[in-house]
Amino acid sequence: MSWNTVFRLRQFARGSLWVLPLVGVLLGVLLGVLVQLTERSVHLPPYWTYSASTASTVLSAIVGAMAALTGFVVTVTVLAVQMATGMLSSR
């Protein structure tokens, strides 16, 4: 390939809105297949296996923590914007 073709492809990939999500989907499918193959060949000890209710509880705790973190970040951002606008007022 010539440098012109490589440059045009790179510019198309950089400016396109669907190339990065497509790469993410392909990578997700590839990793999903890899995980399934790994699960078939690796045998975990019995004390590492969990029930569905345990997994649900852990995921609920993670979602709650993420919601709290999001609220904290939004609050701090609003306070920072308020303080910045107060400093720039013409009083």
C-alpha atoms as a PDB file:
ATOM      1  CA  MET A   1       0.000   0.000   0.000  1.00  0.00           C
ATOM      2  CA  SER A   2       1.177   3.482  -0.720  1.00  0.00           C
ATOM      3  CA  TRP A   3       1.485   6.110   1.969  1.00  0.00           C
ATOM      4  CA  ASN A   4      -1.420   7.995   0.394  1.00  0.00           C
ATOM      5  CA  THR A   5      -3.788   5.046   0.822  1.00  0.00           C
ATOM      6  CA  VAL A   6      -2.654   4.462   4.399  1.00  0.00           C
ATOM      7  CA  PHE A   7      -3.121   8.149   5.182  1.00  0.00           C
ATOM      8  CA  ARG A   8      -6.626   8.212   3.688  1.00  0.00           C
ATOM      9  CA  LEU A   9      -7.660   5.069   5.592  1.00  0.00           C
ATOM     10  CA  ARG A  10      -6.303   6.499   8.833  1.00  0.00           C
ATOM     11  CA  GLN A  11      -8.160   9.769   8.279  1.00  0.00           C
ATOM     12  CA  PHE A  12     -11.378   7.892   7.478  1.00  0.00           C
ATOM     13  CA  ALA A  13     -11.050   5.771  10.627  1.00  0.00           C
ATOM     14  CA  ARG A  14     -10.297   8.826  12.746  1.00  0.00           C
ATOM     15  CA  GLY A  15     -13.263  10.816  11.433  1.00  0.00           C
ATOM     16  CA  SER A  16     -15.795   8.004  11.309  1.00  0.00           C
ATOM     17  CA  LEU A  17     -18.318   7.476  14.088  1.00  0.00           C
ATOM     18  CA  TRP A  18     -18.824   3.733  13.580  1.00  0.00           C
ATOM     19  CA  VAL A  19     -15.278   2.358  13.355  1.00  0.00           C
ATOM     20  CA  LEU A  20     -14.496   2.454  17.086  1.00  0.00           C
ATOM     21  CA  PRO A  21     -17.819   0.866  18.188  1.00  0.00           C
ATOM     22  CA  LEU A  22     -17.351  -1.816  15.523  1.00  0.00           C
ATOM     23  CA  VAL A  23     -13.893  -2.611  16.881  1.00  0.00           C
ATOM     24  CA  GLY A  24     -15.389  -2.786  20.381  1.00  0.00           C
ATOM     25  CA  VAL A  25     -18.097  -5.217  19.259  1.00  0.00           C
ATOM     26  CA  LEU A  26     -15.597  -7.451  17.472  1.00  0.00           C
ATOM     27  CA  LEU A  27     -13.264  -7.398  20.462  1.00  0.00           C
ATOM     28  CA  GLY A  28     -16.168  -8.227  22.792  1.00  0.00           C
ATOM     29  CA  VAL A  29     -17.203 -11.215  20.685  1.00  0.00           C
ATOM     30  CA  LEU A  30     -13.606 -12.433  20.508  1.00  0.00           C
ATOM     31  CA  LEU A  31     -13.130 -12.094  24.272  1.00  0.00           C
ATOM     32  CA  GLY A  32     -16.469 -13.832  24.909  1.00  0.00           C
ATOM     33  CA  VAL A  33     -15.392 -16.831  22.857  1.00  0.00           C
ATOM     34  CA  LEU A  34     -12.011 -16.825  24.605  1.00  0.00           C
ATOM     35  CA  VAL A  35     -13.675 -16.797  28.041  1.00  0.00           C
ATOM     36  CA  GLN A  36     -15.934 -19.705  27.096  1.00  0.00           C
ATOM     37  CA  LEU A  37     -12.964 -21.753  25.906  1.00  0.00           C
ATOM     38  CA  THR A  38     -11.061 -20.926  29.084  1.00  0.00           C
ATOM     39  CA  GLU A  39     -14.000 -21.910  31.319  1.00  0.00           C
ATOM     40  CA  ARG A  40     -14.182 -25.331  29.695  1.00  0.00           C
ATOM     41  CA  SER A  41     -10.506 -26.069  30.283  1.00  0.00           C
ATOM     42  CA  VAL A  42     -10.022 -24.574  33.775  1.00  0.00           C
ATOM     43  CA  HIS A  43     -11.581 -26.313  36.776  1.00  0.00           C
ATOM     44  CA  LEU A  44     -12.016 -24.090  39.817  1.00  0.00           C
ATOM     45  CA  PRO A  45     -12.009 -25.343  43.402  1.00  0.00           C
ATOM     46  CA  PRO A  46     -15.484 -25.729  44.923  1.00  0.00           C
ATOM     47  CA  TYR A  47     -15.027 -22.823  47.346  1.00  0.00           C
ATOM     48  CA  TRP A  48     -14.598 -20.413  44.377  1.00  0.00           C
ATOM     49  CA  THR A  49     -18.001 -21.152  42.899  1.00  0.00           C
ATOM     50  CA  TYR A  50     -20.865 -18.832  43.774  1.00  0.00           C
ATOM     51  CA  SER A  51     -24.622 -19.006  43.535  1.00  0.00           C
ATOM     52  CA  ALA A  52     -26.773 -16.699  41.451  1.00  0.00           C
ATOM     53  CA  SER A  53     -27.976 -14.846  44.545  1.00  0.00           C
ATOM     54  CA  THR A  54     -24.393 -14.099  45.599  1.00  0.00           C
ATOM     55  CA  ALA A  55     -23.592 -12.710  42.167  1.00  0.00           C
ATOM     56  CA  SER A  56     -26.757 -10.621  42.227  1.00  0.00           C
ATOM     57  CA  THR A  57     -25.848  -9.217  45.648  1.00  0.00           C
ATOM     58  CA  VAL A  58     -22.342  -8.296  44.532  1.00  0.00           C
ATOM     59  CA  LEU A  59     -23.631  -6.617  41.373  1.00  0.00           C
ATOM     60  CA  SER A  60     -26.225  -4.698  43.388  1.00  0.00           C
ATOM     61  CA  ALA A  61     -23.499  -3.424  45.703  1.00  0.00           C
ATOM     62  CA  ILE A  62     -21.389  -2.347  42.719  1.00  0.00           C
ATOM     63  CA  VAL A  63     -24.337  -0.516  41.119  1.00  0.00           C
ATOM     64  CA  GLY A  64     -25.119   1.249  44.398  1.00  0.00           C
ATOM     65  CA  ALA A  65     -21.517   2.326  44.821  1.00  0.00           C
ATOM     66  CA  MET A  66     -21.370   3.609  41.246  1.00  0.00           C
ATOM     67  CA  ALA A  67     -24.583   5.613  41.755  1.00  0.00           C
ATOM     68  CA  ALA A  68     -23.165   7.149  44.928  1.00  0.00           C
ATOM     69  CA  LEU A  69     -19.898   7.979  43.186  1.00  0.00           C
ATOM     70  CA  THR A  70     -21.752   9.579  40.277  1.00  0.00           C
ATOM     71  CA  GLY A  71     -23.793  11.722  42.669  1.00  0.00           C
ATOM     72  CA  PHE A  72     -20.632  12.795  44.481  1.00  0.00           C
ATOM     73  CA  VAL A  73     -18.867  13.742  41.246  1.00  0.00           C
ATOM     74  CA  VAL A  74     -21.862  15.746  40.010  1.00  0.00           C
ATOM     75  CA  THR A  75     -22.118  17.565  43.338  1.00  0.00           C
ATOM     76  CA  VAL A  76     -18.433  18.449  43.424  1.00  0.00           C
ATOM     77  CA  THR A  77     -18.548  19.607  39.794  1.00  0.00           C
ATOM     78  CA  VAL A  78     -21.552  21.875  40.441  1.00  0.00           C
ATOM     79  CA  LEU A  79     -19.867  23.343  43.519  1.00  0.00           C
ATOM     80  CA  ALA A  80     -16.664  23.986  41.569  1.00  0.00           C
ATOM     81  CA  VAL A  81     -18.606  25.755  38.823  1.00  0.00           C
ATOM     82  CA  GLN A  82     -20.478  27.859  41.401  1.00  0.00           C
ATOM     83  CA  MET A  83     -17.258  28.870  43.106  1.00  0.00           C
ATOM     84  CA  ALA A  84     -15.615  29.699  39.790  1.00  0.00           C
ATOM     85  CA  THR A  85     -18.517  31.885  38.691  1.00  0.00           C
ATOM     86  CA  GLY A  86     -18.524  33.613  42.076  1.00  0.00           C
ATOM     87  CA  MET A  87     -14.861  34.516  41.654  1.00  0.00           C
ATOM     88  CA  LEU A  88     -15.477  36.013  38.220  1.00  0.00           C
ATOM     89  CA  SER A  89     -18.409  38.220  39.174  1.00  0.00           C
ATOM     90  CA  SER A  90     -18.079  41.989  38.890  1.00  0.00           C
ATOM     91  CA  ARG A  91     -18.926  42.774  42.502  1.00  0.00           C
END
